[in-house]
Amino acid sequence: MAASYDYAPLFRSSVGFDRVFNLLENAQRARSINDWPPYDIVKTGDDHYRISIAVAGFVQEDLDVTFQSNLLTVTGKKQEAANEDYLHRGIAGRPFEHRFELADHVRVSGANLRNSLLSIDLVREIPEALKPRKISIETESAMTSAAPAQIEAQKVA
């Protein structure tokens, strides 16, 4: 049995962490959901990731990958062939949905289906405005060499 955590005390003493608490609550709820089909999440570079999902028995038309507001959703719904009479069915073809919460500035760069493996490539692109920038440090001699600005007082008429 999974423990349930109450984040209310943290809401009272913090500002701006709502999204983090929502992620924790959603992850706690998602634990009970079945992890079928199996998947891997791999870091392929400093700012590159890949999600690989084993989708044996599914074709490209059966799969849907959508990305909206930091949420990547992968769904699969197999089109059943009515004329097939299985003697044994070991390859699961049941519908599935996987949801992945992505960090800010992470976007989907591509997806491909090869050898029953759906690979979704992700890249983190930090905007220039948010990247660290070098601040030049001036010496005191450079600061004092300029004449100080004086404020002129209004003349009394």
C-alpha atoms as a PDB file:
ATOM      1  CA  MET A   1       0.000   0.000   0.000  1.00  0.00           C
ATOM      2  CA  ALA A   2       1.461   3.356  -1.058  1.00  0.00           C
ATOM      3  CA  ALA A   3       1.674   6.166   1.463  1.00  0.00           C
ATOM      4  CA  SER A   4      -0.226   9.363   0.742  1.00  0.00           C
ATOM      5  CA  TYR A   5       1.505  12.635   1.515  1.00  0.00           C
ATOM      6  CA  ASP A   6      -0.124  15.926   2.464  1.00  0.00           C
ATOM      7  CA  TYR A   7       1.636  18.901   0.863  1.00  0.00           C
ATOM      8  CA  ALA A   8      -0.589  21.539   2.516  1.00  0.00           C
ATOM      9  CA  PRO A   9       2.091  22.642   5.045  1.00  0.00           C
ATOM     10  CA  LEU A  10       4.473  23.298   2.166  1.00  0.00           C
ATOM     11  CA  PHE A  11       1.868  25.414   0.361  1.00  0.00           C
ATOM     12  CA  ARG A  12       1.602  27.630   3.433  1.00  0.00           C
ATOM     13  CA  SER A  13       5.330  28.342   3.627  1.00  0.00           C
ATOM     14  CA  SER A  14       6.395  28.622  -0.016  1.00  0.00           C
ATOM     15  CA  VAL A  15       5.543  30.721  -3.033  1.00  0.00           C
ATOM     16  CA  GLY A  16       5.864  29.748  -6.671  1.00  0.00           C
ATOM     17  CA  PHE A  17       6.367  25.996  -6.210  1.00  0.00           C
ATOM     18  CA  ASP A  18       2.813  25.034  -7.195  1.00  0.00           C
ATOM     19  CA  ARG A  19       3.977  23.174 -10.302  1.00  0.00           C
ATOM     20  CA  VAL A  20       6.467  21.091  -8.303  1.00  0.00           C
ATOM     21  CA  PHE A  21       3.794  20.051  -5.808  1.00  0.00           C
ATOM     22  CA  ASN A  22       1.400  19.210  -8.645  1.00  0.00           C
ATOM     23  CA  LEU A  23       4.089  17.028 -10.239  1.00  0.00           C
ATOM     24  CA  LEU A  24       4.601  15.188  -6.949  1.00  0.00           C
ATOM     25  CA  GLU A  25       0.870  14.609  -6.513  1.00  0.00           C
ATOM     26  CA  ASN A  26       0.474  13.418 -10.128  1.00  0.00           C
ATOM     27  CA  ALA A  27       3.452  11.059  -9.792  1.00  0.00           C
ATOM     28  CA  GLN A  28       1.938   9.639  -6.621  1.00  0.00           C
ATOM     29  CA  ARG A  29      -1.365   8.984  -8.411  1.00  0.00           C
ATOM     30  CA  ALA A  30       0.332   7.534 -11.496  1.00  0.00           C
ATOM     31  CA  ARG A  31       2.147   4.865  -9.466  1.00  0.00           C
ATOM     32  CA  SER A  32      -0.967   2.699  -9.425  1.00  0.00           C
ATOM     33  CA  ILE A  33      -1.318   2.836 -13.226  1.00  0.00           C
ATOM     34  CA  ASN A  34       0.016  -0.123 -15.204  1.00  0.00           C
ATOM     35  CA  ASP A  35       3.380   0.481 -16.887  1.00  0.00           C
ATOM     36  CA  TRP A  36       2.483  -1.427 -20.032  1.00  0.00           C
ATOM     37  CA  PRO A  37       4.016  -1.293 -22.586  1.00  0.00           C
ATOM     38  CA  PRO A  38       7.499  -1.100 -21.083  1.00  0.00           C
ATOM     39  CA  TYR A  39       9.614   1.972 -21.815  1.00  0.00           C
ATOM     40  CA  ASP A  40      13.093   3.398 -21.258  1.00  0.00           C
ATOM     41  CA  ILE A  41      14.177   6.982 -20.676  1.00  0.00           C
ATOM     42  CA  VAL A  42      17.800   7.589 -21.662  1.00  0.00           C
ATOM     43  CA  LYS A  43      19.982  10.690 -21.450  1.00  0.00           C
ATOM     44  CA  THR A  44      21.835  10.694 -24.787  1.00  0.00           C
ATOM     45  CA  GLY A  45      23.761  13.958 -24.315  1.00  0.00           C
ATOM     46  CA  ASP A  46      24.027  17.026 -22.105  1.00  0.00           C
ATOM     47  CA  ASP A  47      20.670  18.372 -23.295  1.00  0.00           C
ATOM     48  CA  HIS A  48      19.317  15.395 -25.256  1.00  0.00           C
ATOM     49  CA  TYR A  49      17.009  12.592 -24.113  1.00  0.00           C
ATOM     50  CA  ARG A  50      15.200   9.656 -25.698  1.00  0.00           C
ATOM     51  CA  ILE A  51      12.069   7.830 -24.615  1.00  0.00           C
ATOM     52  CA  SER A  52      11.818   4.340 -26.161  1.00  0.00           C
ATOM     53  CA  ILE A  53       8.557   2.407 -25.889  1.00  0.00           C
ATOM     54  CA  ALA A  54       8.198  -1.269 -26.874  1.00  0.00           C
ATOM     55  CA  VAL A  55       5.108  -1.338 -29.092  1.00  0.00           C
ATOM     56  CA  ALA A  56       5.174  -4.852 -30.582  1.00  0.00           C
ATOM     57  CA  GLY A  57       2.152  -5.484 -32.774  1.00  0.00           C
ATOM     58  CA  PHE A  58       1.353  -1.792 -33.297  1.00  0.00           C
ATOM     59  CA  VAL A  59       1.860   0.014 -36.599  1.00  0.00           C
ATOM     60  CA  GLN A  60       2.368   3.730 -37.172  1.00  0.00           C
ATOM     61  CA  GLU A  61      -1.364   4.355 -37.740  1.00  0.00           C
ATOM     62  CA  ASP A  62      -2.160   2.822 -34.319  1.00  0.00           C
ATOM     63  CA  LEU A  63       0.089   5.267 -32.427  1.00  0.00           C
ATOM     64  CA  ASP A  64      -0.388   8.926 -31.528  1.00  0.00           C
ATOM     65  CA  VAL A  65       2.239  11.231 -29.980  1.00  0.00           C
ATOM     66  CA  THR A  66       1.117  14.670 -28.770  1.00  0.00           C
ATOM     67  CA  PHE A  67       2.945  17.404 -26.889  1.00  0.00           C
ATOM     68  CA  GLN A  68       1.163  20.289 -25.176  1.00  0.00           C
ATOM     69  CA  SER A  69       2.108  22.480 -22.220  1.00  0.00           C
ATOM     70  CA  ASN A  70       5.018  20.353 -20.920  1.00  0.00           C
ATOM     71  CA  LEU A  71       2.973  17.155 -21.216  1.00  0.00           C
ATOM     72  CA  LEU A  72       3.979  14.464 -23.703  1.00  0.00           C
ATOM     73  CA  THR A  73       1.232  11.897 -24.299  1.00  0.00           C
ATOM     74  CA  VAL A  74       1.751   8.654 -26.204  1.00  0.00           C
ATOM     75  CA  THR A  75      -1.349   6.607 -26.971  1.00  0.00           C
ATOM     76  CA  GLY A  76      -1.823   3.368 -28.825  1.00  0.00           C
ATOM     77  CA  LYS A  77      -5.039   1.816 -30.041  1.00  0.00           C
ATOM     78  CA  LYS A  78      -4.719  -1.211 -32.264  1.00  0.00           C
ATOM     79  CA  GLN A  79      -7.152  -1.721 -35.109  1.00  0.00           C
ATOM     80  CA  GLU A  80      -8.510  -5.244 -34.695  1.00  0.00           C
ATOM     81  CA  ALA A  81      -8.786  -7.551 -37.676  1.00  0.00           C
ATOM     82  CA  ALA A  82     -12.199  -9.207 -37.380  1.00  0.00           C
ATOM     83  CA  ASN A  83     -11.421 -12.188 -39.616  1.00  0.00           C
ATOM     84  CA  GLU A  84      -8.503 -13.580 -37.562  1.00  0.00           C
ATOM     85  CA  ASP A  85      -9.170 -16.591 -35.359  1.00  0.00           C
ATOM     86  CA  TYR A  86      -6.350 -16.826 -32.787  1.00  0.00           C
ATOM     87  CA  LEU A  87      -5.408 -20.201 -31.337  1.00  0.00           C
ATOM     88  CA  HIS A  88      -3.081 -18.430 -28.890  1.00  0.00           C
ATOM     89  CA  ARG A  89      -2.658 -14.699 -28.359  1.00  0.00           C
ATOM     90  CA  GLY A  90       0.543 -13.813 -26.521  1.00  0.00           C
ATOM     91  CA  ILE A  91       1.293 -10.388 -28.029  1.00  0.00           C
ATOM     92  CA  ALA A  92      -0.783  -7.881 -26.141  1.00  0.00           C
ATOM     93  CA  GLY A  93      -2.586  -5.384 -28.311  1.00  0.00           C
ATOM     94  CA  ARG A  94      -4.647  -3.613 -25.694  1.00  0.00           C
ATOM     95  CA  PRO A  95      -4.889   0.180 -25.818  1.00  0.00           C
ATOM     96  CA  PHE A  96      -2.433   2.187 -23.748  1.00  0.00           C
ATOM     97  CA  GLU A  97      -1.583   5.732 -22.769  1.00  0.00           C
ATOM     98  CA  HIS A  98       1.676   7.003 -21.293  1.00  0.00           C
ATOM     99  CA  ARG A  99       2.041  10.563 -19.995  1.00  0.00           C
ATOM    100  CA  PHE A 100       5.399  12.198 -19.414  1.00  0.00           C
ATOM    101  CA  GLU A 101       5.762  15.560 -17.663  1.00  0.00           C
ATOM    102  CA  LEU A 102       8.582  17.446 -19.351  1.00  0.00           C
ATOM    103  CA  ALA A 103      10.637  20.213 -17.777  1.00  0.00           C
ATOM    104  CA  ASP A 104      10.457  23.775 -19.025  1.00  0.00           C
ATOM    105  CA  HIS A 105      12.267  24.354 -22.322  1.00  0.00           C
ATOM    106  CA  VAL A 106      12.254  20.627 -23.243  1.00  0.00           C
ATOM    107  CA  ARG A 107      10.681  19.966 -26.628  1.00  0.00           C
ATOM    108  CA  VAL A 108      10.152  16.950 -28.876  1.00  0.00           C
ATOM    109  CA  SER A 109      12.665  16.971 -31.718  1.00  0.00           C
ATOM    110  CA  GLY A 110      11.426  13.844 -33.497  1.00  0.00           C
ATOM    111  CA  ALA A 111       9.874  10.390 -33.286  1.00  0.00           C
ATOM    112  CA  ASN A 112      10.362   7.185 -35.245  1.00  0.00           C
ATOM    113  CA  LEU A 113       9.082   3.629 -35.225  1.00  0.00           C
ATOM    114  CA  ARG A 114      11.676   0.962 -36.017  1.00  0.00           C
ATOM    115  CA  ASN A 115      11.682  -2.752 -35.133  1.00  0.00           C
ATOM    116  CA  SER A 116       8.602  -2.403 -32.883  1.00  0.00           C
ATOM    117  CA  LEU A 117      10.325   0.317 -30.845  1.00  0.00           C
ATOM    118  CA  LEU A 118       8.850   3.824 -30.775  1.00  0.00           C
ATOM    119  CA  SER A 119      11.663   6.303 -30.074  1.00  0.00           C
ATOM    120  CA  ILE A 120      10.882   9.904 -29.155  1.00  0.00           C
ATOM    121  CA  ASP A 121      13.832  12.300 -29.112  1.00  0.00           C
ATOM    122  CA  LEU A 122      13.757  15.266 -26.755  1.00  0.00           C
ATOM    123  CA  VAL A 123      16.030  18.291 -26.512  1.00  0.00           C
ATOM    124  CA  ARG A 124      16.341  20.974 -23.840  1.00  0.00           C
ATOM    125  CA  GLU A 125      16.770  24.413 -25.399  1.00  0.00           C
ATOM    126  CA  ILE A 126      17.272  27.200 -22.905  1.00  0.00           C
ATOM    127  CA  PRO A 127      16.424  30.630 -24.371  1.00  0.00           C
ATOM    128  CA  GLU A 128      19.298  33.120 -24.635  1.00  0.00           C
ATOM    129  CA  ALA A 129      17.628  35.408 -22.092  1.00  0.00           C
ATOM    130  CA  LEU A 130      17.773  32.648 -19.453  1.00  0.00           C
ATOM    131  CA  LYS A 131      21.324  31.463 -20.115  1.00  0.00           C
ATOM    132  CA  PRO A 132      24.066  32.597 -17.728  1.00  0.00           C
ATOM    133  CA  ARG A 133      25.924  35.645 -18.985  1.00  0.00           C
ATOM    134  CA  LYS A 134      29.292  37.050 -18.073  1.00  0.00           C
ATOM    135  CA  ILE A 135      29.252  40.387 -16.242  1.00  0.00           C
ATOM    136  CA  SER A 136      32.344  42.535 -16.670  1.00  0.00           C
ATOM    137  CA  ILE A 137      33.877  43.882 -13.502  1.00  0.00           C
ATOM    138  CA  GLU A 138      35.223  47.403 -13.646  1.00  0.00           C
ATOM    139  CA  THR A 139      38.148  48.562 -11.542  1.00  0.00           C
ATOM    140  CA  GLU A 140      37.873  51.566  -9.256  1.00  0.00           C
ATOM    141  CA  SER A 141      40.410  53.580 -11.280  1.00  0.00           C
ATOM    142  CA  ALA A 142      38.176  53.322 -14.353  1.00  0.00           C
ATOM    143  CA  MET A 143      35.208  54.457 -12.314  1.00  0.00           C
ATOM    144  CA  THR A 144      36.937  57.538 -10.822  1.00  0.00           C
ATOM    145  CA  SER A 145      38.476  58.747 -14.079  1.00  0.00           C
ATOM    146  CA  ALA A 146      35.104  59.894 -15.369  1.00  0.00           C
ATOM    147  CA  ALA A 147      33.962  63.282 -14.114  1.00  0.00           C
ATOM    148  CA  PRO A 148      31.143  62.947 -11.625  1.00  0.00           C
ATOM    149  CA  ALA A 149      27.775  64.121 -12.893  1.00  0.00           C
ATOM    150  CA  GLN A 150      26.471  67.201 -11.124  1.00  0.00           C
ATOM    151  CA  ILE A 151      22.869  68.105 -10.684  1.00  0.00           C
ATOM    152  CA  GLU A 152      22.106  71.714 -11.529  1.00  0.00           C
ATOM    153  CA  ALA A 153      19.830  73.569  -9.186  1.00  0.00           C
ATOM    154  CA  GLN A 154      17.082  75.725 -10.554  1.00  0.00           C
ATOM    155  CA  LYS A 155      17.941  79.392 -10.569  1.00  0.00           C
ATOM    156  CA  VAL A 156      15.785  81.617  -8.447  1.00  0.00           C
ATOM    157  CA  ALA A 157      14.273  84.406 -10.452  1.00  0.00           C
END
